[in-house]
Amino acid sequence: MTDIASHFETNKFIISESKSNAISNEVQKEKEKKEPSEQNVEDEGNSDINVEELKQKLSNLLSSNPNLLAGVQVEEFEKDNDKNFHIDFIAAAANN
């Protein structure tokens, strides 16, 4: 089989310039979609302020009502345990 295949000649693949330009333009468009815009960067910069603002509001809320979190308990969560139904929750939340 190798002997037979060695007798075949193939043409060298050369992409046309118009095809090359079209592909380059498409790749550039995809890169631009993935890059954050200046507006998104500004929003991300404000996220620190929002987090700090939320922390302050939570602190104020807890200081005005110390029993607010009295019923809250810490729970252990094992992501590899199928008995906690986390995959079911994700599927249900994603399908709404």
Foldseek 3Di string as FASTA:
>chain_A
DVVVVVPDDDDDDDDDPVVVVVVVVVVVVVVVVPDDDPVVVVVVVCVVVVVVVVVVVVVVVCVVPVCPCVPPDDDDDDPPDCVVVPVVVVVVVVVD
